[in-house]
Amino acid sequence: GGIAEPKDALALYEAGADLVMLSGGYVRTGPGLPKRINEG
């Protein structure tokens, strides 16, 4: 959770996270968010 935009996930990877799971941000931002994170 806590991810609303691709930059949020990228910041967590940079901090040391291995994986992220989308929660409310997925509903608000839309189903294309995983793809946009992957492309970023």
Full PDB file with SEQRES, HELIX, SHEET, SSBOND, CRYST1, ORIGX, SCALE, CONECT and MASTER records, all heavy atoms in Angstrom:
SEQRES   1 A   40  GLY GLY ILE ALA GLU PRO LYS ASP ALA LEU ALA LEU TYR          
SEQRES   2 A   40  GLU ALA GLY ALA ASP LEU VAL MET LEU SER GLY GLY TYR          
SEQRES   3 A   40  VAL ARG THR GLY PRO GLY LEU PRO LYS ARG ILE ASN GLU          
SEQRES   4 A   40  GLY                                                          
HELIX    1 AA1 PRO A    6  ALA A   15  1                                  10    
HELIX    2 AA2 GLY A   24  THR A   29  1                                   6    
HELIX    3 AA3 LEU A   33  GLU A   39  1                                   7    
CRYST1    1.000    1.000    1.000  90.00  90.00  90.00 P 1           1          
ORIGX1      1.000000  0.000000  0.000000        0.00000                         
ORIGX2      0.000000  1.000000  0.000000        0.00000                         
ORIGX3      0.000000  0.000000  1.000000        0.00000                         
SCALE1      1.000000  0.000000  0.000000        0.00000                         
SCALE2      0.000000  1.000000  0.000000        0.00000                         
SCALE3      0.000000  0.000000  1.000000        0.00000                         
ATOM      1  N   GLY A   1       0.802  -1.218   0.000  1.00  0.00           N  
ATOM      2  CA  GLY A   1       0.000   0.000   0.000  1.00  0.00           C  
ATOM      3  C   GLY A   1       0.832   1.263   0.000  1.00  0.00           C  
ATOM      4  O   GLY A   1       2.060   1.238  -0.086  1.00  0.00           O  
ATOM      5  N   GLY A   2       0.139   2.410   0.070  1.00  0.00           N  
ATOM      6  CA  GLY A   2       0.811   3.700   0.122  1.00  0.00           C  
ATOM      7  C   GLY A   2       1.425   4.146  -1.183  1.00  0.00           C  
ATOM      8  O   GLY A   2       2.288   5.026  -1.205  1.00  0.00           O  
ATOM      9  N   ILE A   3       0.988   3.556  -2.304  1.00  0.00           N  
ATOM     10  CA  ILE A   3       1.554   3.874  -3.621  1.00  0.00           C  
ATOM     11  C   ILE A   3       0.443   4.425  -4.503  1.00  0.00           C  
ATOM     12  O   ILE A   3      -0.530   3.730  -4.784  1.00  0.00           O  
ATOM     13  CB  ILE A   3       2.181   2.632  -4.271  1.00  0.00           C  
ATOM     14  CG1 ILE A   3       3.322   2.101  -3.404  1.00  0.00           C  
ATOM     15  CG2 ILE A   3       2.660   2.941  -5.679  1.00  0.00           C  
ATOM     16  CD1 ILE A   3       3.833   0.745  -3.822  1.00  0.00           C  
ATOM     17  N   ALA A   4       0.597   5.674  -4.929  1.00  0.00           N  
ATOM     18  CA  ALA A   4      -0.421   6.308  -5.759  1.00  0.00           C  
ATOM     19  C   ALA A   4       0.059   6.589  -7.175  1.00  0.00           C  
ATOM     20  O   ALA A   4      -0.754   6.766  -8.083  1.00  0.00           O  
ATOM     21  CB  ALA A   4      -0.884   7.618  -5.118  1.00  0.00           C  
ATOM     22  N   GLU A   5       1.371   6.630  -7.384  1.00  0.00           N  
ATOM     23  CA  GLU A   5       1.948   6.949  -8.688  1.00  0.00           C  
ATOM     24  C   GLU A   5       3.186   6.083  -8.905  1.00  0.00           C  
ATOM     25  O   GLU A   5       3.751   5.538  -7.943  1.00  0.00           O  
ATOM     26  CB  GLU A   5       2.340   8.428  -8.748  1.00  0.00           C  
ATOM     27  CG  GLU A   5       1.192   9.392  -8.537  1.00  0.00           C  
ATOM     28  CD  GLU A   5       1.658  10.837  -8.534  1.00  0.00           C  
ATOM     29  OE1 GLU A   5       2.473  11.189  -7.666  1.00  0.00           O  
ATOM     30  OE2 GLU A   5       1.214  11.607  -9.404  1.00  0.00           O  
ATOM     31  N   PRO A   6       3.651   5.951 -10.149  1.00  0.00           N  
ATOM     32  CA  PRO A   6       4.861   5.156 -10.393  1.00  0.00           C  
ATOM     33  C   PRO A   6       6.057   5.613  -9.571  1.00  0.00           C  
ATOM     34  O   PRO A   6       6.842   4.788  -9.092  1.00  0.00           O  
ATOM     35  CB  PRO A   6       5.104   5.359 -11.892  1.00  0.00           C  
ATOM     36  CG  PRO A   6       3.747   5.597 -12.461  1.00  0.00           C  
ATOM     37  CD  PRO A   6       3.011   6.385 -11.420  1.00  0.00           C  
ATOM     38  N   LYS A   7       6.214   6.923  -9.366  1.00  0.00           N  
ATOM     39  CA  LYS A   7       7.372   7.428  -8.627  1.00  0.00           C  
ATOM     40  C   LYS A   7       7.393   6.922  -7.189  1.00  0.00           C  
ATOM     41  O   LYS A   7       8.470   6.781  -6.586  1.00  0.00           O  
ATOM     42  CB  LYS A   7       7.394   8.955  -8.631  1.00  0.00           C  
ATOM     43  CG  LYS A   7       6.286   9.642  -7.857  1.00  0.00           C  
ATOM     44  CD  LYS A   7       6.426  11.144  -7.879  1.00  0.00           C  
ATOM     45  CE  LYS A   7       5.288  11.831  -7.122  1.00  0.00           C  
ATOM     46  NZ  LYS A   7       5.219  11.442  -5.701  1.00  0.00           N  
ATOM     47  N   ASP A   8       6.220   6.658  -6.606  1.00  0.00           N  
ATOM     48  CA  ASP A   8       6.151   6.165  -5.236  1.00  0.00           C  
ATOM     49  C   ASP A   8       6.798   4.779  -5.131  1.00  0.00           C  
ATOM     50  O   ASP A   8       7.597   4.512  -4.226  1.00  0.00           O  
ATOM     51  CB  ASP A   8       4.702   6.099  -4.756  1.00  0.00           C  
ATOM     52  CG  ASP A   8       4.017   7.450  -4.787  1.00  0.00           C  
ATOM     53  OD1 ASP A   8       4.724   8.471  -4.664  1.00  0.00           O  
ATOM     54  OD2 ASP A   8       2.784   7.486  -4.930  1.00  0.00           O  
ATOM     55  N   ALA A   9       6.446   3.906  -6.052  1.00  0.00           N  
ATOM     56  CA  ALA A   9       7.020   2.555  -6.052  1.00  0.00           C  
ATOM     57  C   ALA A   9       8.528   2.611  -6.303  1.00  0.00           C  
ATOM     58  O   ALA A   9       9.304   1.898  -5.652  1.00  0.00           O  
ATOM     59  CB  ALA A   9       6.339   1.688  -7.097  1.00  0.00           C  
ATOM     60  N   LEU A  10       8.951   3.459  -7.242  1.00  0.00           N  
ATOM     61  CA  LEU A  10      10.372   3.567  -7.550  1.00  0.00           C  
ATOM     62  C   LEU A  10      11.153   4.073  -6.347  1.00  0.00           C  
ATOM     63  O   LEU A  10      12.291   3.641  -6.099  1.00  0.00           O  
ATOM     64  CB  LEU A  10      10.575   4.489  -8.757  1.00  0.00           C  
ATOM     65  CG  LEU A  10       9.900   4.059 -10.065  1.00  0.00           C  
ATOM     66  CD1 LEU A  10      10.262   5.011 -11.193  1.00  0.00           C  
ATOM     67  CD2 LEU A  10      10.275   2.630 -10.435  1.00  0.00           C  
ATOM     68  N   ALA A  11      10.556   4.987  -5.565  1.00  0.00           N  
ATOM     69  CA  ALA A  11      11.220   5.489  -4.360  1.00  0.00           C  
ATOM     70  C   ALA A  11      11.366   4.381  -3.327  1.00  0.00           C  
ATOM     71  O   ALA A  11      12.388   4.308  -2.612  1.00  0.00           O  
ATOM     72  CB  ALA A  11      10.431   6.656  -3.778  1.00  0.00           C  
ATOM     73  N   LEU A  12      10.387   3.509  -3.219  1.00  0.00           N  
ATOM     74  CA  LEU A  12      10.471   2.398  -2.256  1.00  0.00           C  
ATOM     75  C   LEU A  12      11.520   1.382  -2.681  1.00  0.00           C  
ATOM     76  O   LEU A  12      12.249   0.838  -1.838  1.00  0.00           O  
ATOM     77  CB  LEU A  12       9.104   1.729  -2.125  1.00  0.00           C  
ATOM     78  CG  LEU A  12       8.022   2.584  -1.458  1.00  0.00           C  
ATOM     79  CD1 LEU A  12       6.656   1.915  -1.564  1.00  0.00           C  
ATOM     80  CD2 LEU A  12       8.368   2.836   0.008  1.00  0.00           C  
ATOM     81  N   TYR A  13      11.627   1.113  -3.979  1.00  0.00           N  
ATOM     82  CA  TYR A  13      12.695   0.221  -4.458  1.00  0.00           C  
ATOM     83  C   TYR A  13      14.058   0.824  -4.129  1.00  0.00           C  
ATOM     84  O   TYR A  13      14.975   0.115  -3.692  1.00  0.00           O  
ATOM     85  CB  TYR A  13      12.582   0.011  -5.973  1.00  0.00           C  
ATOM     86  CG  TYR A  13      11.354  -0.735  -6.421  1.00  0.00           C  
ATOM     87  CD1 TYR A  13      10.657  -0.331  -7.562  1.00  0.00           C  
ATOM     88  CD2 TYR A  13      10.884  -1.842  -5.727  1.00  0.00           C  
ATOM     89  CE1 TYR A  13       9.518  -1.007  -7.986  1.00  0.00           C  
ATOM     90  CE2 TYR A  13       9.750  -2.522  -6.148  1.00  0.00           C  
ATOM     91  CZ  TYR A  13       9.068  -2.096  -7.279  1.00  0.00           C  
ATOM     92  OH  TYR A  13       7.953  -2.762  -7.691  1.00  0.00           O  
ATOM     93  N   GLU A  14      14.172   2.116  -4.332  1.00  0.00           N  
ATOM     94  CA  GLU A  14      15.447   2.789  -4.064  1.00  0.00           C  
ATOM     95  C   GLU A  14      15.804   2.734  -2.576  1.00  0.00           C  
ATOM     96  O   GLU A  14      16.978   2.625  -2.209  1.00  0.00           O  
ATOM     97  CB  GLU A  14      15.376   4.244  -4.525  1.00  0.00           C  
ATOM     98  CG  GLU A  14      16.710   4.974  -4.479  1.00  0.00           C  
ATOM     99  CD  GLU A  14      16.630   6.373  -5.054  1.00  0.00           C  
ATOM    100  OE1 GLU A  14      15.614   6.703  -5.703  1.00  0.00           O  
ATOM    101  OE2 GLU A  14      17.591   7.144  -4.855  1.00  0.00           O  
ATOM    102  N   ALA A  15      14.779   2.766  -1.727  1.00  0.00           N  
ATOM    103  CA  ALA A  15      15.017   2.703  -0.281  1.00  0.00           C  
ATOM    104  C   ALA A  15      15.420   1.309   0.169  1.00  0.00           C  
ATOM    105  O   ALA A  15      15.958   1.147   1.278  1.00  0.00           O  
ATOM    106  CB  ALA A  15      13.768   3.153   0.466  1.00  0.00           C  
ATOM    107  N   GLY A  16      15.145   0.294  -0.666  1.00  0.00           N  
ATOM    108  CA  GLY A  16      15.559  -1.053  -0.309  1.00  0.00           C  
ATOM    109  C   GLY A  16      14.466  -2.098  -0.336  1.00  0.00           C  
ATOM    110  O   GLY A  16      14.711  -3.259   0.002  1.00  0.00           O  
ATOM    111  N   ALA A  17      13.253  -1.728  -0.720  1.00  0.00           N  
ATOM    112  CA  ALA A  17      12.172  -2.707  -0.817  1.00  0.00           C  
ATOM    113  C   ALA A  17      12.433  -3.658  -1.977  1.00  0.00           C  
ATOM    114  O   ALA A  17      12.910  -3.248  -3.033  1.00  0.00           O  
ATOM    115  CB  ALA A  17      10.833  -2.002  -1.006  1.00  0.00           C  
ATOM    116  N   ASP A  18      12.106  -4.929  -1.753  1.00  0.00           N  
ATOM    117  CA  ASP A  18      12.283  -5.927  -2.798  1.00  0.00           C  
ATOM    118  C   ASP A  18      11.028  -6.047  -3.672  1.00  0.00           C  
ATOM    119  O   ASP A  18      11.129  -6.216  -4.892  1.00  0.00           O  
ATOM    120  CB  ASP A  18      12.598  -7.284  -2.178  1.00  0.00           C  
ATOM    121  CG  ASP A  18      13.924  -7.287  -1.442  1.00  0.00           C  
ATOM    122  OD1 ASP A  18      14.967  -7.386  -2.108  1.00  0.00           O  
ATOM    123  OD2 ASP A  18      13.909  -7.161  -0.207  1.00  0.00           O  
ATOM    124  N   LEU A  19       9.879  -5.986  -3.031  1.00  0.00           N  
ATOM    125  CA  LEU A  19       8.607  -6.070  -3.735  1.00  0.00           C  
ATOM    126  C   LEU A  19       7.653  -5.026  -3.157  1.00  0.00           C  
ATOM    127  O   LEU A  19       7.823  -4.584  -2.020  1.00  0.00           O  
ATOM    128  CB  LEU A  19       7.971  -7.461  -3.567  1.00  0.00           C  
ATOM    129  CG  LEU A  19       8.793  -8.698  -3.942  1.00  0.00           C  
ATOM    130  CD1 LEU A  19       8.033  -9.961  -3.571  1.00  0.00           C  
ATOM    131  CD2 LEU A  19       9.127  -8.700  -5.428  1.00  0.00           C  
ATOM    132  N   VAL A  20       6.647  -4.653  -3.957  1.00  0.00           N  
ATOM    133  CA  VAL A  20       5.590  -3.769  -3.458  1.00  0.00           C  
ATOM    134  C   VAL A  20       4.245  -4.382  -3.819  1.00  0.00           C  
ATOM    135  O   VAL A  20       4.121  -5.117  -4.807  1.00  0.00           O  
ATOM    136  CB  VAL A  20       5.686  -2.341  -4.035  1.00  0.00           C  
ATOM    137  CG1 VAL A  20       7.001  -1.688  -3.653  1.00  0.00           C  
ATOM    138  CG2 VAL A  20       5.493  -2.329  -5.546  1.00  0.00           C  
ATOM    139  N   MET A  21       3.235  -4.073  -2.998  1.00  0.00           N  
ATOM    140  CA  MET A  21       1.867  -4.504  -3.289  1.00  0.00           C  
ATOM    141  C   MET A  21       0.977  -3.273  -3.347  1.00  0.00           C  
ATOM    142  O   MET A  21       1.024  -2.423  -2.457  1.00  0.00           O  
ATOM    143  CB  MET A  21       1.360  -5.480  -2.216  1.00  0.00           C  
ATOM    144  CG  MET A  21       2.063  -6.816  -2.236  1.00  0.00           C  
ATOM    145  SD  MET A  21       1.270  -8.089  -1.224  1.00  0.00           S  
ATOM    146  CE  MET A  21       1.602  -7.503   0.439  1.00  0.00           C  
ATOM    147  N   LEU A  22       0.179  -3.193  -4.391  1.00  0.00           N  
ATOM    148  CA  LEU A  22      -0.695  -2.037  -4.591  1.00  0.00           C  
ATOM    149  C   LEU A  22      -1.995  -2.217  -3.830  1.00  0.00           C  
ATOM    150  O   LEU A  22      -2.558  -3.312  -3.774  1.00  0.00           O  
ATOM    151  CB  LEU A  22      -0.986  -1.858  -6.078  1.00  0.00           C  
ATOM    152  CG  LEU A  22       0.233  -1.734  -6.987  1.00  0.00           C  
ATOM    153  CD1 LEU A  22      -0.209  -1.579  -8.439  1.00  0.00           C  
ATOM    154  CD2 LEU A  22       1.106  -0.568  -6.572  1.00  0.00           C  
ATOM    155  N   SER A  23      -2.469  -1.105  -3.283  1.00  0.00           N  
ATOM    156  CA  SER A  23      -3.716  -1.126  -2.523  1.00  0.00           C  
ATOM    157  C   SER A  23      -4.647  -0.028  -3.042  1.00  0.00           C  
ATOM    158  O   SER A  23      -5.036  -0.043  -4.208  1.00  0.00           O  
ATOM    159  CB  SER A  23      -3.417  -0.953  -1.029  1.00  0.00           C  
ATOM    160  OG  SER A  23      -4.591  -0.990  -0.264  1.00  0.00           O  
ATOM    161  N   GLY A  24      -4.975   0.952  -2.202  1.00  0.00           N  
ATOM    162  CA  GLY A  24      -5.914   1.991  -2.600  1.00  0.00           C  
ATOM    163  C   GLY A  24      -5.481   2.780  -3.814  1.00  0.00           C  
ATOM    164  O   GLY A  24      -6.314   3.223  -4.613  1.00  0.00           O  
ATOM    165  N   GLY A  25      -4.174   2.975  -3.976  1.00  0.00           N  
ATOM    166  CA  GLY A  25      -3.675   3.715  -5.127  1.00  0.00           C  
ATOM    167  C   GLY A  25      -4.010   3.042  -6.439  1.00  0.00           C  
ATOM    168  O   GLY A  25      -4.192   3.709  -7.473  1.00  0.00           O  
ATOM    169  N   TYR A  26      -4.127   1.728  -6.410  1.00  0.00           N  
ATOM    170  CA  TYR A  26      -4.489   0.980  -7.616  1.00  0.00           C  
ATOM    171  C   TYR A  26      -5.911   1.330  -8.046  1.00  0.00           C  
ATOM    172  O   TYR A  26      -6.188   1.511  -9.241  1.00  0.00           O  
ATOM    173  CB  TYR A  26      -4.372  -0.520  -7.337  1.00  0.00           C  
ATOM    174  CG  TYR A  26      -4.774  -1.404  -8.489  1.00  0.00           C  
ATOM    175  CD1 TYR A  26      -3.898  -1.654  -9.523  1.00  0.00           C  
ATOM    176  CD2 TYR A  26      -6.037  -1.986  -8.527  1.00  0.00           C  
ATOM    177  CE1 TYR A  26      -4.260  -2.474 -10.592  1.00  0.00           C  
ATOM    178  CE2 TYR A  26      -6.408  -2.806  -9.581  1.00  0.00           C  
ATOM    179  CZ  TYR A  26      -5.526  -3.047 -10.610  1.00  0.00           C  
ATOM    180  OH  TYR A  26      -5.897  -3.844 -11.663  1.00  0.00           O  
ATOM    181  N   VAL A  27      -6.801   1.446  -7.069  1.00  0.00           N  
ATOM    182  CA  VAL A  27      -8.195   1.774  -7.367  1.00  0.00           C  
ATOM    183  C   VAL A  27      -8.306   3.206  -7.871  1.00  0.00           C  
ATOM    184  O   VAL A  27      -9.027   3.489  -8.833  1.00  0.00           O  
ATOM    185  CB  VAL A  27      -9.077   1.581  -6.116  1.00  0.00           C  
ATOM    186  CG1 VAL A  27     -10.531   1.906  -6.436  1.00  0.00           C  
ATOM    187  CG2 VAL A  27      -8.950   0.168  -5.580  1.00  0.00           C  
ATOM    188  N   ARG A  28      -7.583   4.115  -7.224  1.00  0.00           N  
ATOM    189  CA  ARG A  28      -7.679   5.526  -7.583  1.00  0.00           C  
ATOM    190  C   ARG A  28      -6.970   5.832  -8.903  1.00  0.00           C  
ATOM    191  O   ARG A  28      -7.484   6.548  -9.754  1.00  0.00           O  
ATOM    192  CB  ARG A  28      -7.071   6.379  -6.465  1.00  0.00           C  
ATOM    193  CG  ARG A  28      -7.108   7.872  -6.724  1.00  0.00           C  
ATOM    194  CD  ARG A  28      -8.513   8.380  -6.732  1.00  0.00           C  
ATOM    195  NE  ARG A  28      -8.560   9.815  -6.987  1.00  0.00           N  
ATOM    196  CZ  ARG A  28      -9.456  10.411  -7.725  1.00  0.00           C  
ATOM    197  NH1 ARG A  28     -10.404   9.691  -8.308  1.00  0.00           N  
ATOM    198  NH2 ARG A  28      -9.462  11.711  -7.895  1.00  0.00           N  
ATOM    199  N   THR A  29      -5.788   5.297  -9.086  1.00  0.00           N  
ATOM    200  CA  THR A  29      -4.970   5.626 -10.256  1.00  0.00           C  
ATOM    201  C   THR A  29      -5.365   4.820 -11.482  1.00  0.00           C  
ATOM    202  O   THR A  29      -5.224   5.288 -12.609  1.00  0.00           O  
ATOM    203  CB  THR A  29      -3.475   5.411  -9.941  1.00  0.00           C  
ATOM    204  OG1 THR A  29      -3.137   6.212  -8.817  1.00  0.00           O  
ATOM    205  CG2 THR A  29      -2.601   5.791 -11.107  1.00  0.00           C  
ATOM    206  N   GLY A  30      -5.862   3.599 -11.265  1.00  0.00           N  
ATOM    207  CA  GLY A  30      -6.323   2.809 -12.389  1.00  0.00           C  
ATOM    208  C   GLY A  30      -5.519   1.548 -12.604  1.00  0.00           C  
ATOM    209  O   GLY A  30      -4.387   1.410 -12.116  1.00  0.00           O  
ATOM    210  N   PRO A  31      -6.068   0.600 -13.342  1.00  0.00           N  
ATOM    211  CA  PRO A  31      -5.429  -0.707 -13.547  1.00  0.00           C  
ATOM    212  C   PRO A  31      -4.161  -0.662 -14.372  1.00  0.00           C  
ATOM    213  O   PRO A  31      -3.469  -1.673 -14.486  1.00  0.00           O  
ATOM    214  CB  PRO A  31      -6.521  -1.522 -14.249  1.00  0.00           C  
ATOM    215  CG  PRO A  31      -7.417  -0.507 -14.863  1.00  0.00           C  
ATOM    216  CD  PRO A  31      -7.396   0.682 -13.972  1.00  0.00           C  
ATOM    217  N   GLY A  32      -3.844   0.496 -14.971  1.00  0.00           N  
ATOM    218  CA  GLY A  32      -2.593   0.606 -15.711  1.00  0.00           C  
ATOM    219  C   GLY A  32      -1.400   0.900 -14.827  1.00  0.00           C  
ATOM    220  O   GLY A  32      -0.257   0.916 -15.309  1.00  0.00           O  
ATOM    221  N   LEU A  33      -1.625   1.109 -13.517  1.00  0.00           N  
ATOM    222  CA  LEU A  33      -0.530   1.459 -12.615  1.00  0.00           C  
ATOM    223  C   LEU A  33       0.575   0.410 -12.567  1.00  0.00           C  
ATOM    224  O   LEU A  33       1.763   0.781 -12.609  1.00  0.00           O  
ATOM    225  CB  LEU A  33      -1.080   1.730 -11.212  1.00  0.00           C  
ATOM    226  CG  LEU A  33      -0.069   2.178 -10.155  1.00  0.00           C  
ATOM    227  CD1 LEU A  33       0.675   3.431 -10.589  1.00  0.00           C  
ATOM    228  CD2 LEU A  33      -0.756   2.393  -8.800  1.00  0.00           C  
ATOM    229  N   PRO A  34       0.285  -0.900 -12.488  1.00  0.00           N  
ATOM    230  CA  PRO A  34       1.379  -1.893 -12.489  1.00  0.00           C  
ATOM    231  C   PRO A  34       2.260  -1.783 -13.730  1.00  0.00           C  
ATOM    232  O   PRO A  34       3.490  -1.819 -13.631  1.00  0.00           O  
ATOM    233  CB  PRO A  34       0.653  -3.239 -12.439  1.00  0.00           C  
ATOM    234  CG  PRO A  34      -0.692  -2.933 -11.907  1.00  0.00           C  
ATOM    235  CD  PRO A  34      -1.027  -1.550 -12.357  1.00  0.00           C  
ATOM    236  N   LYS A  35       1.630  -1.636 -14.880  1.00  0.00           N  
ATOM    237  CA  LYS A  35       2.405  -1.526 -16.118  1.00  0.00           C  
ATOM    238  C   LYS A  35       3.267  -0.269 -16.107  1.00  0.00           C  
ATOM    239  O   LYS A  35       4.437  -0.299 -16.513  1.00  0.00           O  
ATOM    240  CB  LYS A  35       1.464  -1.504 -17.319  1.00  0.00           C  
ATOM    241  CG  LYS A  35       2.196  -1.392 -18.659  1.00  0.00           C  
ATOM    242  CD  LYS A  35       1.235  -1.200 -19.808  1.00  0.00           C  
ATOM    243  CE  LYS A  35       2.005  -0.991 -21.112  1.00  0.00           C  
ATOM    244  NZ  LYS A  35       1.134  -0.658 -22.241  1.00  0.00           N  
ATOM    245  N   ARG A  36       2.718   0.838 -15.629  1.00  0.00           N  
ATOM    246  CA  ARG A  36       3.475   2.094 -15.594  1.00  0.00           C  
ATOM    247  C   ARG A  36       4.666   1.991 -14.636  1.00  0.00           C  
ATOM    248  O   ARG A  36       5.745   2.524 -14.916  1.00  0.00           O  
ATOM    249  CB  ARG A  36       2.550   3.236 -15.176  1.00  0.00           C  
ATOM    250  CG  ARG A  36       1.488   3.568 -16.227  1.00  0.00           C  
ATOM    251  CD  ARG A  36       0.436   4.496 -15.671  1.00  0.00           C  
ATOM    252  NE  ARG A  36       1.003   5.790 -15.299  1.00  0.00           N  
ATOM    253  CZ  ARG A  36       0.456   6.613 -14.419  1.00  0.00           C  
ATOM    254  NH1 ARG A  36      -0.668   6.274 -13.787  1.00  0.00           N  
ATOM    255  NH2 ARG A  36       1.022   7.776 -14.164  1.00  0.00           N  
ATOM    256  N   ILE A  37       4.472   1.302 -13.521  1.00  0.00           N  
ATOM    257  CA  ILE A  37       5.592   1.085 -12.587  1.00  0.00           C  
ATOM    258  C   ILE A  37       6.660   0.220 -13.250  1.00  0.00           C  
ATOM    259  O   ILE A  37       7.865   0.510 -13.173  1.00  0.00           O  
ATOM    260  CB  ILE A  37       5.096   0.436 -11.289  1.00  0.00           C  
ATOM    261  CG1 ILE A  37       4.186   1.398 -10.521  1.00  0.00           C  
ATOM    262  CG2 ILE A  37       6.275   0.031 -10.404  1.00  0.00           C  
ATOM    263  CD1 ILE A  37       3.494   0.776  -9.325  1.00  0.00           C  
ATOM    264  N   ASN A  38       6.221  -0.845 -13.916  1.00  0.00           N  
ATOM    265  CA  ASN A  38       7.171  -1.730 -14.599  1.00  0.00           C  
ATOM    266  C   ASN A  38       7.971  -0.974 -15.659  1.00  0.00           C  
ATOM    267  O   ASN A  38       9.189  -1.145 -15.785  1.00  0.00           O  
ATOM    268  CB  ASN A  38       6.424  -2.891 -15.264  1.00  0.00           C  
ATOM    269  CG  ASN A  38       5.856  -3.880 -14.253  1.00  0.00           C  
ATOM    270  OD1 ASN A  38       6.368  -4.002 -13.140  1.00  0.00           O  
ATOM    271  ND2 ASN A  38       4.799  -4.563 -14.624  1.00  0.00           N  
ATOM    272  N   GLU A  39       7.299  -0.118 -16.417  1.00  0.00           N  
ATOM    273  CA  GLU A  39       7.984   0.644 -17.463  1.00  0.00           C  
ATOM    274  C   GLU A  39       8.937   1.671 -16.865  1.00  0.00           C  
ATOM    275  O   GLU A  39      10.012   1.923 -17.416  1.00  0.00           O  
ATOM    276  CB  GLU A  39       6.945   1.329 -18.346  1.00  0.00           C  
ATOM    277  CG  GLU A  39       6.155   0.359 -19.215  1.00  0.00           C  
ATOM    278  CD  GLU A  39       5.002   1.013 -19.950  1.00  0.00           C  
ATOM    279  OE1 GLU A  39       4.618   2.138 -19.570  1.00  0.00           O  
ATOM    280  OE2 GLU A  39       4.476   0.402 -20.907  1.00  0.00           O  
ATOM    281  N   GLY A  40       8.553   2.271 -15.736  1.00  0.00           N  
ATOM    282  CA  GLY A  40       9.449   3.216 -15.066  1.00  0.00           C  
ATOM    283  C   GLY A  40      10.669   2.532 -14.511  1.00  0.00           C  
ATOM    284  O   GLY A  40      11.790   3.048 -14.598  1.00  0.00           O  
TER     285      GLY A  40                                                      
MASTER        0    0    0    3    0    0    0    6  284    1    0    4          
END                                                                             
